[in-house]
Protein backbone atom coordinates (compact mmCIF):
# COMPACT_ATOMS: atom_id res chain seq x y z
CA MET A 1 37.33 -54.93 18.40
CA ALA A 2 36.71 -55.21 14.69
CA LYS A 3 33.11 -56.18 15.41
CA LYS A 4 32.47 -53.00 17.40
CA LEU A 5 33.66 -50.77 14.56
CA PHE A 6 31.48 -52.59 12.09
CA ARG A 7 28.38 -52.17 14.26
CA LYS A 8 28.96 -48.44 14.71
CA LYS A 9 29.25 -47.90 10.96
CA ALA A 10 26.02 -49.79 10.31
CA ARG A 11 24.14 -47.65 12.81
CA LYS A 12 25.47 -44.45 11.24
CA LYS A 13 24.18 -45.53 7.84
CA GLU A 14 20.70 -46.07 9.23
CA ARG A 15 20.66 -42.60 10.77
CA ALA A 16 22.07 -40.89 7.66
CA GLN A 17 19.13 -41.92 5.48
CA PRO A 18 16.00 -40.18 6.76
CA GLU A 19 12.73 -41.32 5.32
CA ILE A 20 11.38 -38.81 2.77
CA PRO A 21 7.59 -38.76 2.48
CA PRO A 22 6.17 -39.09 -1.04
CA PRO A 23 4.81 -35.88 -2.60
CA LYS A 24 1.17 -35.09 -1.90
CA THR A 25 -1.42 -35.63 -4.58
CA ALA A 26 -4.15 -33.11 -5.33
CA ALA A 27 -6.66 -35.21 -3.36
CA GLU A 28 -4.51 -34.99 -0.21
CA TYR A 29 -4.49 -31.18 -0.03
CA ILE A 30 -7.04 -29.60 2.24
CA GLY A 31 -9.44 -27.01 0.87
CA LYS A 32 -9.95 -25.28 -2.47
CA VAL A 33 -8.46 -22.40 -4.39
CA ILE A 34 -11.16 -20.11 -5.76
CA VAL A 35 -10.24 -17.32 -8.16
CA ALA A 36 -12.71 -14.45 -8.33
CA PRO A 37 -13.92 -13.31 -11.76
CA GLU A 38 -12.48 -9.86 -10.98
CA VAL A 39 -9.01 -11.42 -10.86
CA LEU A 40 -9.49 -13.04 -14.27
CA ALA A 41 -10.70 -9.72 -15.70
CA THR A 42 -7.68 -7.89 -14.25
CA VAL A 43 -5.24 -10.45 -15.68
CA ALA A 44 -6.90 -10.17 -19.08
CA ARG A 45 -6.96 -6.35 -19.00
CA LYS A 46 -3.27 -6.11 -18.10
CA ALA A 47 -2.38 -8.57 -20.87
CA VAL A 48 -4.35 -6.53 -23.43
CA LEU A 49 -2.84 -3.19 -22.38
CA GLY A 50 0.64 -4.70 -22.78
CA VAL A 51 0.12 -5.41 -26.49
CA ARG A 52 1.55 -2.91 -28.96
CA GLY A 53 -1.17 -0.98 -30.77
CA VAL A 54 -3.74 -0.95 -27.97
CA SER A 55 -4.70 2.56 -26.93
CA GLY A 56 -7.00 1.52 -24.09
CA MET A 57 -9.99 -0.52 -23.08
CA SER A 58 -13.42 0.38 -24.37
CA THR A 59 -16.17 0.98 -21.87
CA LEU A 60 -18.95 -1.56 -22.05
CA VAL A 61 -22.07 0.50 -21.65
CA THR A 62 -25.16 -1.68 -21.69
CA GLY A 63 -28.79 -0.74 -21.32
CA SER A 64 -30.39 2.52 -22.34
CA PHE A 65 -30.39 3.96 -18.80
CA ASN A 66 -26.67 3.24 -18.37
CA ARG A 67 -25.96 4.68 -21.80
CA LEU A 68 -27.77 7.84 -20.82
CA LEU A 69 -25.69 8.15 -17.65
CA LYS A 70 -22.54 6.83 -19.39
CA ARG A 71 -21.85 4.43 -16.55
CA ALA A 72 -19.28 1.70 -17.14
CA PRO A 73 -19.39 -1.70 -15.41
CA ALA A 74 -16.69 -2.81 -12.97
CA HIS A 75 -14.81 -4.89 -15.57
CA GLN A 76 -14.05 -2.16 -18.05
CA GLY A 77 -13.47 -3.66 -21.48
CA VAL A 78 -13.60 -7.33 -20.39
CA ARG A 79 -16.63 -9.58 -20.31
CA LEU A 80 -16.00 -13.15 -19.21
CA GLU A 81 -17.80 -16.36 -18.47
CA VAL A 82 -16.54 -19.44 -16.63
CA LYS A 83 -18.21 -22.76 -17.47
CA GLU A 84 -16.97 -26.13 -16.26
CA GLY A 85 -13.62 -24.63 -15.27
CA ARG A 86 -12.97 -23.06 -18.69
CA VAL A 87 -12.82 -19.32 -19.38
CA ALA A 88 -14.46 -17.57 -22.34
CA LEU A 89 -13.59 -13.88 -22.77
CA ASP A 90 -14.80 -10.97 -24.85
CA ILE A 91 -12.30 -8.10 -25.00
CA TYR A 92 -13.47 -4.61 -26.04
CA LEU A 93 -10.74 -2.12 -26.88
CA VAL A 94 -9.64 1.04 -28.61
CA ALA A 95 -6.77 0.63 -31.09
CA LYS A 96 -4.11 3.10 -32.08
CA THR A 97 -3.88 4.34 -35.66
CA ASN A 98 -1.41 2.84 -38.15
CA VAL A 99 -1.55 -0.66 -36.60
CA ASN A 100 -2.28 -3.95 -38.35
CA LEU A 101 -5.52 -4.78 -36.56
CA GLN A 102 -5.53 -8.47 -37.52
CA ARG A 103 -2.02 -9.08 -36.10
CA MET A 104 -2.82 -7.02 -33.01
CA GLY A 105 -5.98 -9.07 -32.39
CA GLU A 106 -4.11 -12.36 -32.74
CA GLU A 107 -1.40 -11.16 -30.37
CA ILE A 108 -4.06 -10.16 -27.84
CA GLN A 109 -5.66 -13.61 -28.09
CA ASN A 110 -2.31 -15.33 -27.55
CA GLN A 111 -1.21 -13.08 -24.68
CA VAL A 112 -4.51 -13.21 -22.77
CA SER A 113 -4.76 -16.98 -23.14
CA ARG A 114 -1.14 -17.51 -22.05
CA ASP A 115 -1.40 -15.17 -19.04
CA ILE A 116 -4.60 -16.71 -17.69
CA GLN A 117 -3.27 -20.24 -18.14
CA GLU A 118 0.09 -19.45 -16.51
CA LEU A 119 -1.03 -17.12 -13.70
CA VAL A 120 -4.36 -18.68 -12.79
CA GLY A 121 -4.02 -22.21 -14.13
CA MET A 122 -7.38 -22.27 -15.89
CA PRO A 123 -7.81 -23.35 -19.51
CA VAL A 124 -9.08 -20.69 -21.91
CA GLU A 125 -11.81 -21.70 -24.33
CA THR A 126 -12.13 -18.50 -26.40
CA VAL A 127 -10.81 -14.96 -26.55
CA ASN A 128 -12.97 -12.77 -28.79
CA VAL A 129 -11.44 -9.37 -29.59
CA HIS A 130 -13.81 -6.51 -30.38
CA ILE A 131 -12.14 -3.37 -31.73
CA GLU A 132 -14.72 -0.75 -30.84
CA GLU A 133 -12.85 2.37 -31.94
CA ILE A 134 -9.63 3.59 -33.47
CA GLU A 135 -7.92 6.39 -31.63
CA ALA A 136 -8.46 9.65 -33.48
CA ALA A 137 -5.31 11.06 -35.00
CA LYS A 138 -4.33 14.34 -33.47
CA ILE A 139 -4.59 17.06 -36.08
CA PRO A 140 -2.39 20.06 -35.36
CA ARG A 141 -4.39 23.26 -35.17
CA PRO A 142 -3.03 26.32 -36.92
CA SER A 143 -1.98 29.04 -34.55
CA PRO A 144 -4.19 32.12 -34.65
CA ALA A 145 -2.84 34.94 -36.80
CA LYS A 146 -1.37 37.80 -34.90
CA ARG A 147 -2.91 41.20 -35.45
CA THR A 148 -0.63 44.10 -35.69
């Protein structure tokens, strides 16, 4: 009878340890993941607008005909290029007044680079920040004098 108990325990141990497949490598996955340039531009734009001191994105108006019509391209304020899996960005923006522009530019570079690397997984080669304008300070207008 002791032999029967021993055999049952051995069988239970075999069943209790299911075989776990090894994790898949990148070569074993099927297909590709392609990120559209519009997505990269949106990630960059949102990162820029989240930095303190940025008033908004500047419109990139290129070409004399487009300047005349004041048409802006689809990627307002962001021009990017992807070469060999690396992203190079040019950011065009309007800054608020009373902001240290150098610190703001460095923060934009860090934030854009970090967001693209974390959200998209692509390495960032360069982030060039172009401060096109500084938001005009609002000057209070004197109220018109009342005539009596």
